[in-house]
Amino acid sequence: MDDLDRALARLADAPAPAALDGMEARVLARIGTRPVVRQAGLGLGVVTVAALAMGMIGAELPASASPA
């Protein structure tokens, strides 16, 4: 375990690679250029409401006809 601790300490003391400089800005810029898909959320909402309504209606209906 001491070897691992020494290796991690060396890594922590090493300077960050120059390739990492500005990476966050590049990633956020690419995310900003992607189109936003909102129809999937609306469809999921409609399906959820329909399932809830079916469950509520099904709970109120009798499972079988009871003799009077």
PDB file of N, CA and C in Angstrom:
ATOM      1  N   MET A   1       0.821  -1.190   0.000  1.00  0.00           N
ATOM      2  CA  MET A   1       0.000   0.000   0.000  1.00  0.00           C
ATOM      3  C   MET A   1       0.864   1.251   0.000  1.00  0.00           C
ATOM      4  N   ASP A   2       2.072   1.137   0.511  1.00  0.00           N
ATOM      5  CA  ASP A   2       2.953   2.301   0.537  1.00  0.00           C
ATOM      6  C   ASP A   2       3.310   2.754  -0.873  1.00  0.00           C
ATOM      7  N   ASP A   3       3.490   1.806  -1.798  1.00  0.00           N
ATOM      8  CA  ASP A   3       3.801   2.171  -3.177  1.00  0.00           C
ATOM      9  C   ASP A   3       2.654   2.969  -3.789  1.00  0.00           C
ATOM     10  N   LEU A   4       1.445   2.540  -3.506  1.00  0.00           N
ATOM     11  CA  LEU A   4       0.272   3.239  -4.029  1.00  0.00           C
ATOM     12  C   LEU A   4       0.180   4.640  -3.439  1.00  0.00           C
ATOM     13  N   ASP A   5       0.428   4.766  -2.159  1.00  0.00           N
ATOM     14  CA  ASP A   5       0.393   6.076  -1.517  1.00  0.00           C
ATOM     15  C   ASP A   5       1.448   7.008  -2.101  1.00  0.00           C
ATOM     16  N   ARG A   6       2.650   6.475  -2.334  1.00  0.00           N
ATOM     17  CA  ARG A   6       3.711   7.305  -2.921  1.00  0.00           C
ATOM     18  C   ARG A   6       3.349   7.730  -4.342  1.00  0.00           C
ATOM     19  N   ALA A   7       2.805   6.801  -5.116  1.00  0.00           N
ATOM     20  CA  ALA A   7       2.420   7.133  -6.495  1.00  0.00           C
ATOM     21  C   ALA A   7       1.330   8.190  -6.518  1.00  0.00           C
ATOM     22  N   LEU A   8       0.365   8.073  -5.634  1.00  0.00           N
ATOM     23  CA  LEU A   8      -0.697   9.072  -5.578  1.00  0.00           C
ATOM     24  C   LEU A   8      -0.180  10.427  -5.094  1.00  0.00           C
ATOM     25  N   ALA A   9       0.764  10.421  -4.183  1.00  0.00           N
ATOM     26  CA  ALA A   9       1.355  11.674  -3.712  1.00  0.00           C
ATOM     27  C   ALA A   9       2.126  12.363  -4.838  1.00  0.00           C
ATOM     28  N   ARG A  10       2.868  11.562  -5.634  1.00  0.00           N
ATOM     29  CA  ARG A  10       3.578  12.151  -6.780  1.00  0.00           C
ATOM     30  C   ARG A  10       2.599  12.730  -7.786  1.00  0.00           C
ATOM     31  N   LEU A  11       1.519  12.033  -8.018  1.00  0.00           N
ATOM     32  CA  LEU A  11       0.507  12.507  -8.962  1.00  0.00           C
ATOM     33  C   LEU A  11      -0.142  13.795  -8.460  1.00  0.00           C
ATOM     34  N   ALA A  12      -0.399  13.874  -7.159  1.00  0.00           N
ATOM     35  CA  ALA A  12      -1.008  15.077  -6.585  1.00  0.00           C
ATOM     36  C   ALA A  12      -0.069  16.273  -6.675  1.00  0.00           C
ATOM     37  N   ASP A  13       1.234  16.027  -6.572  1.00  0.00           N
ATOM     38  CA  ASP A  13       2.204  17.122  -6.622  1.00  0.00           C
ATOM     39  C   ASP A  13       2.550  17.536  -8.041  1.00  0.00           C
ATOM     40  N   ALA A  14       2.249  16.710  -9.019  1.00  0.00           N
ATOM     41  CA  ALA A  14       2.593  17.022 -10.414  1.00  0.00           C
ATOM     42  C   ALA A  14       1.682  18.117 -10.953  1.00  0.00           C
ATOM     43  N   PRO A  15       2.210  18.945 -11.836  1.00  0.00           N
ATOM     44  CA  PRO A  15       1.362  19.985 -12.440  1.00  0.00           C
ATOM     45  C   PRO A  15       0.344  19.358 -13.392  1.00  0.00           C
ATOM     46  N   ALA A  16      -0.761  20.032 -13.550  1.00  0.00           N
ATOM     47  CA  ALA A  16      -1.808  19.537 -14.446  1.00  0.00           C
ATOM     48  C   ALA A  16      -1.326  19.643 -15.893  1.00  0.00           C
ATOM     49  N   PRO A  17      -1.658  18.668 -16.729  1.00  0.00           N
ATOM     50  CA  PRO A  17      -1.259  18.732 -18.135  1.00  0.00           C
ATOM     51  C   PRO A  17      -1.876  19.949 -18.835  1.00  0.00           C
ATOM     52  N   ALA A  18      -1.162  20.483 -19.780  1.00  0.00           N
ATOM     53  CA  ALA A  18      -1.632  21.667 -20.497  1.00  0.00           C
ATOM     54  C   ALA A  18      -2.886  21.360 -21.313  1.00  0.00           C
ATOM     55  N   ALA A  19      -3.085  20.114 -21.698  1.00  0.00           N
ATOM     56  CA  ALA A  19      -4.262  19.742 -22.488  1.00  0.00           C
ATOM     57  C   ALA A  19      -5.557  19.930 -21.697  1.00  0.00           C
ATOM     58  N   LEU A  20      -5.470  19.924 -20.368  1.00  0.00           N
ATOM     59  CA  LEU A  20      -6.666  20.103 -19.550  1.00  0.00           C
ATOM     60  C   LEU A  20      -7.094  21.561 -19.449  1.00  0.00           C
ATOM     61  N   ASP A  21      -6.199  22.471 -19.796  1.00  0.00           N
ATOM     62  CA  ASP A  21      -6.498  23.895 -19.706  1.00  0.00           C
ATOM     63  C   ASP A  21      -7.593  24.254 -20.707  1.00  0.00           C
ATOM     64  N   GLY A  22      -8.678  24.748 -20.241  1.00  0.00           N
ATOM     65  CA  GLY A  22      -9.775  25.155 -21.109  1.00  0.00           C
ATOM     66  C   GLY A  22     -10.705  24.030 -21.524  1.00  0.00           C
ATOM     67  N   MET A  23     -10.485  22.832 -20.995  1.00  0.00           N
ATOM     68  CA  MET A  23     -11.341  21.703 -21.389  1.00  0.00           C
ATOM     69  C   MET A  23     -12.778  21.924 -20.957  1.00  0.00           C
ATOM     70  N   GLU A  24     -12.981  22.483 -19.785  1.00  0.00           N
ATOM     71  CA  GLU A  24     -14.333  22.717 -19.300  1.00  0.00           C
ATOM     72  C   GLU A  24     -15.091  23.661 -20.228  1.00  0.00           C
ATOM     73  N   ALA A  25     -14.430  24.710 -20.681  1.00  0.00           N
ATOM     74  CA  ALA A  25     -15.073  25.655 -21.591  1.00  0.00           C
ATOM     75  C   ALA A  25     -15.435  24.982 -22.909  1.00  0.00           C
ATOM     76  N   ARG A  26     -14.557  24.118 -23.421  1.00  0.00           N
ATOM     77  CA  ARG A  26     -14.851  23.422 -24.683  1.00  0.00           C
ATOM     78  C   ARG A  26     -16.027  22.467 -24.530  1.00  0.00           C
ATOM     79  N   VAL A  27     -16.075  21.739 -23.409  1.00  0.00           N
ATOM     80  CA  VAL A  27     -17.166  20.794 -23.181  1.00  0.00           C
ATOM     81  C   VAL A  27     -18.489  21.540 -23.049  1.00  0.00           C
ATOM     82  N   LEU A  28     -18.511  22.610 -22.272  1.00  0.00           N
ATOM     83  CA  LEU A  28     -19.746  23.369 -22.098  1.00  0.00           C
ATOM     84  C   LEU A  28     -20.188  24.022 -23.405  1.00  0.00           C
ATOM     85  N   ALA A  29     -19.240  24.433 -24.233  1.00  0.00           N
ATOM     86  CA  ALA A  29     -19.596  25.011 -25.527  1.00  0.00           C
ATOM     87  C   ALA A  29     -20.245  23.960 -26.427  1.00  0.00           C
ATOM     88  N   ARG A  30     -19.713  22.745 -26.415  1.00  0.00           N
ATOM     89  CA  ARG A  30     -20.311  21.672 -27.229  1.00  0.00           C
ATOM     90  C   ARG A  30     -21.691  21.296 -26.715  1.00  0.00           C
ATOM     91  N   ILE A  31     -21.872  21.288 -25.411  1.00  0.00           N
ATOM     92  CA  ILE A  31     -23.183  20.981 -24.849  1.00  0.00           C
ATOM     93  C   ILE A  31     -24.183  22.061 -25.251  1.00  0.00           C
ATOM     94  N   GLY A  32     -23.743  23.304 -25.266  1.00  0.00           N
ATOM     95  CA  GLY A  32     -24.621  24.410 -25.625  1.00  0.00           C
ATOM     96  C   GLY A  32     -25.065  24.381 -27.076  1.00  0.00           C
ATOM     97  N   THR A  33     -24.293  23.752 -27.949  1.00  0.00           N
ATOM     98  CA  THR A  33     -24.653  23.718 -29.361  1.00  0.00           C
ATOM     99  C   THR A  33     -25.571  22.550 -29.702  1.00  0.00           C
ATOM    100  N   ARG A  34     -25.757  21.603 -28.792  1.00  0.00           N
ATOM    101  CA  ARG A  34     -26.619  20.449 -29.069  1.00  0.00           C
ATOM    102  C   ARG A  34     -28.076  20.872 -28.980  1.00  0.00           C
ATOM    103  N   PRO A  35     -28.919  20.346 -29.863  1.00  0.00           N
ATOM    104  CA  PRO A  35     -30.344  20.687 -29.800  1.00  0.00           C
ATOM    105  C   PRO A  35     -31.006  20.070 -28.570  1.00  0.00           C
ATOM    106  N   VAL A  36     -31.954  20.787 -28.028  1.00  0.00           N
ATOM    107  CA  VAL A  36     -32.658  20.327 -26.837  1.00  0.00           C
ATOM    108  C   VAL A  36     -33.885  19.542 -27.276  1.00  0.00           C
ATOM    109  N   VAL A  37     -34.025  18.342 -26.747  1.00  0.00           N
ATOM    110  CA  VAL A  37     -35.172  17.500 -27.083  1.00  0.00           C
ATOM    111  C   VAL A  37     -36.165  17.593 -25.936  1.00  0.00           C
ATOM    112  N   ARG A  38     -37.302  18.205 -26.187  1.00  0.00           N
ATOM    113  CA  ARG A  38     -38.301  18.378 -25.136  1.00  0.00           C
ATOM    114  C   ARG A  38     -39.523  17.507 -25.360  1.00  0.00           C
ATOM    115  N   GLN A  39     -39.692  16.960 -26.529  1.00  0.00           N
ATOM    116  CA  GLN A  39     -40.876  16.167 -26.814  1.00  0.00           C
ATOM    117  C   GLN A  39     -40.862  14.855 -26.040  1.00  0.00           C
ATOM    118  N   ALA A  40     -39.710  14.323 -25.752  1.00  0.00           N
ATOM    119  CA  ALA A  40     -39.625  13.059 -25.020  1.00  0.00           C
ATOM    120  C   ALA A  40     -40.202  13.229 -23.615  1.00  0.00           C
ATOM    121  N   GLY A  41     -39.936  14.341 -22.965  1.00  0.00           N
ATOM    122  CA  GLY A  41     -40.469  14.593 -21.630  1.00  0.00           C
ATOM    123  C   GLY A  41     -41.976  14.735 -21.648  1.00  0.00           C
ATOM    124  N   LEU A  42     -42.511  15.379 -22.674  1.00  0.00           N
ATOM    125  CA  LEU A  42     -43.954  15.546 -22.792  1.00  0.00           C
ATOM    126  C   LEU A  42     -44.623  14.202 -23.013  1.00  0.00           C
ATOM    127  N   GLY A  43     -44.054  13.380 -23.878  1.00  0.00           N
ATOM    128  CA  GLY A  43     -44.612  12.053 -24.134  1.00  0.00           C
ATOM    129  C   GLY A  43     -44.612  11.184 -22.890  1.00  0.00           C
ATOM    130  N   LEU A  44     -43.534  11.256 -22.128  1.00  0.00           N
ATOM    131  CA  LEU A  44     -43.444  10.482 -20.892  1.00  0.00           C
ATOM    132  C   LEU A  44     -44.485  10.954 -19.888  1.00  0.00           C
ATOM    133  N   GLY A  45     -44.721  12.246 -19.839  1.00  0.00           N
ATOM    134  CA  GLY A  45     -45.740  12.790 -18.942  1.00  0.00           C
ATOM    135  C   GLY A  45     -47.131  12.314 -19.316  1.00  0.00           C
ATOM    136  N   VAL A  46     -47.437  12.295 -20.613  1.00  0.00           N
ATOM    137  CA  VAL A  46     -48.748  11.845 -21.072  1.00  0.00           C
ATOM    138  C   VAL A  46     -48.947  10.367 -20.729  1.00  0.00           C
ATOM    139  N   VAL A  47     -47.931   9.561 -20.960  1.00  0.00           N
ATOM    140  CA  VAL A  47     -48.029   8.130 -20.644  1.00  0.00           C
ATOM    141  C   VAL A  47     -48.206   7.931 -19.143  1.00  0.00           C
ATOM    142  N   THR A  48     -47.523   8.689 -18.345  1.00  0.00           N
ATOM    143  CA  THR A  48     -47.633   8.569 -16.893  1.00  0.00           C
ATOM    144  C   THR A  48     -49.032   8.918 -16.414  1.00  0.00           C
ATOM    145  N   VAL A  49     -49.588  10.004 -16.932  1.00  0.00           N
ATOM    146  CA  VAL A  49     -50.942  10.406 -16.540  1.00  0.00           C
ATOM    147  C   VAL A  49     -51.958   9.364 -16.988  1.00  0.00           C
ATOM    148  N   ALA A  50     -51.784   8.813 -18.197  1.00  0.00           N
ATOM    149  CA  ALA A  50     -52.713   7.788 -18.680  1.00  0.00           C
ATOM    150  C   ALA A  50     -52.648   6.539 -17.804  1.00  0.00           C
ATOM    151  N   ALA A  51     -51.456   6.122 -17.410  1.00  0.00           N
ATOM    152  CA  ALA A  51     -51.311   4.948 -16.554  1.00  0.00           C
ATOM    153  C   ALA A  51     -51.922   5.195 -15.184  1.00  0.00           C
ATOM    154  N   LEU A  52     -51.745   6.378 -14.657  1.00  0.00           N
ATOM    155  CA  LEU A  52     -52.340   6.716 -13.366  1.00  0.00           C
ATOM    156  C   LEU A  52     -53.863   6.686 -13.445  1.00  0.00           C
ATOM    157  N   ALA A  53     -54.422   7.252 -14.511  1.00  0.00           N
ATOM    158  CA  ALA A  53     -55.876   7.260 -14.680  1.00  0.00           C
ATOM    159  C   ALA A  53     -56.410   5.835 -14.823  1.00  0.00           C
ATOM    160  N   MET A  54     -55.735   5.010 -15.595  1.00  0.00           N
ATOM    161  CA  MET A  54     -56.175   3.622 -15.760  1.00  0.00           C
ATOM    162  C   MET A  54     -56.137   2.882 -14.420  1.00  0.00           C
ATOM    163  N   GLY A  55     -55.122   3.129 -13.629  1.00  0.00           N
ATOM    164  CA  GLY A  55     -55.012   2.483 -12.322  1.00  0.00           C
ATOM    165  C   GLY A  55     -56.118   2.918 -11.376  1.00  0.00           C
ATOM    166  N   MET A  56     -56.434   4.200 -11.387  1.00  0.00           N
ATOM    167  CA  MET A  56     -57.499   4.705 -10.506  1.00  0.00           C
ATOM    168  C   MET A  56     -58.856   4.158 -10.933  1.00  0.00           C
ATOM    169  N   ILE A  57     -59.115   4.114 -12.229  1.00  0.00           N
ATOM    170  CA  ILE A  57     -60.387   3.583 -12.722  1.00  0.00           C
ATOM    171  C   ILE A  57     -60.465   2.088 -12.450  1.00  0.00           C
ATOM    172  N   GLY A  58     -59.388   1.377 -12.677  1.00  0.00           N
ATOM    173  CA  GLY A  58     -59.371  -0.057 -12.429  1.00  0.00           C
ATOM    174  C   GLY A  58     -59.563  -0.405 -10.964  1.00  0.00           C
ATOM    175  N   ALA A  59     -59.102   0.437 -10.077  1.00  0.00           N
ATOM    176  CA  ALA A  59     -59.260   0.182  -8.647  1.00  0.00           C
ATOM    177  C   ALA A  59     -60.708   0.350  -8.209  1.00  0.00           C
ATOM    178  N   GLU A  60     -61.470   1.172  -8.899  1.00  0.00           N
ATOM    179  CA  GLU A  60     -62.862   1.413  -8.541  1.00  0.00           C
ATOM    180  C   GLU A  60     -63.807   0.369  -9.115  1.00  0.00           C
ATOM    181  N   LEU A  61     -63.425  -0.297 -10.202  1.00  0.00           N
ATOM    182  CA  LEU A  61     -64.295  -1.290 -10.808  1.00  0.00           C
ATOM    183  C   LEU A  61     -64.230  -2.591 -10.018  1.00  0.00           C
ATOM    184  N   PRO A  62     -65.339  -3.279  -9.884  1.00  0.00           N
ATOM    185  CA  PRO A  62     -65.305  -4.559  -9.164  1.00  0.00           C
ATOM    186  C   PRO A  62     -64.571  -5.611  -9.992  1.00  0.00           C
ATOM    187  N   ALA A  63     -63.887  -6.520  -9.324  1.00  0.00           N
ATOM    188  CA  ALA A  63     -63.121  -7.562 -10.002  1.00  0.00           C
ATOM    189  C   ALA A  63     -64.052  -8.573 -10.662  1.00  0.00           C
ATOM    190  N   SER A  64     -65.163  -8.875 -10.030  1.00  0.00           N
ATOM    191  CA  SER A  64     -66.145  -9.787 -10.604  1.00  0.00           C
ATOM    192  C   SER A  64     -67.535  -9.362 -10.123  1.00  0.00           C
ATOM    193  N   ALA A  65     -68.522  -9.783 -10.828  1.00  0.00           N
ATOM    194  CA  ALA A  65     -69.882  -9.437 -10.449  1.00  0.00           C
ATOM    195  C   ALA A  65     -70.253 -10.165  -9.179  1.00  0.00           C
ATOM    196  N   SER A  66     -70.760  -9.438  -8.205  1.00  0.00           N
ATOM    197  CA  SER A  66     -71.148 -10.069  -6.943  1.00  0.00           C
ATOM    198  C   SER A  66     -72.648 -10.351  -6.978  1.00  0.00           C
ATOM    199  N   PRO A  67     -73.067 -11.506  -6.463  1.00  0.00           N
ATOM    200  CA  PRO A  67     -74.501 -11.815  -6.464  1.00  0.00           C
ATOM    201  C   PRO A  67     -75.248 -10.897  -5.497  1.00  0.00           C
ATOM    202  N   ALA A  68     -76.412 -10.470  -5.882  1.00  0.00           N
ATOM    203  CA  ALA A  68     -77.186  -9.527  -5.061  1.00  0.00           C
ATOM    204  C   ALA A  68     -78.070 -10.195  -4.064  1.00  0.00           C
TER     205      ALA A  68
END
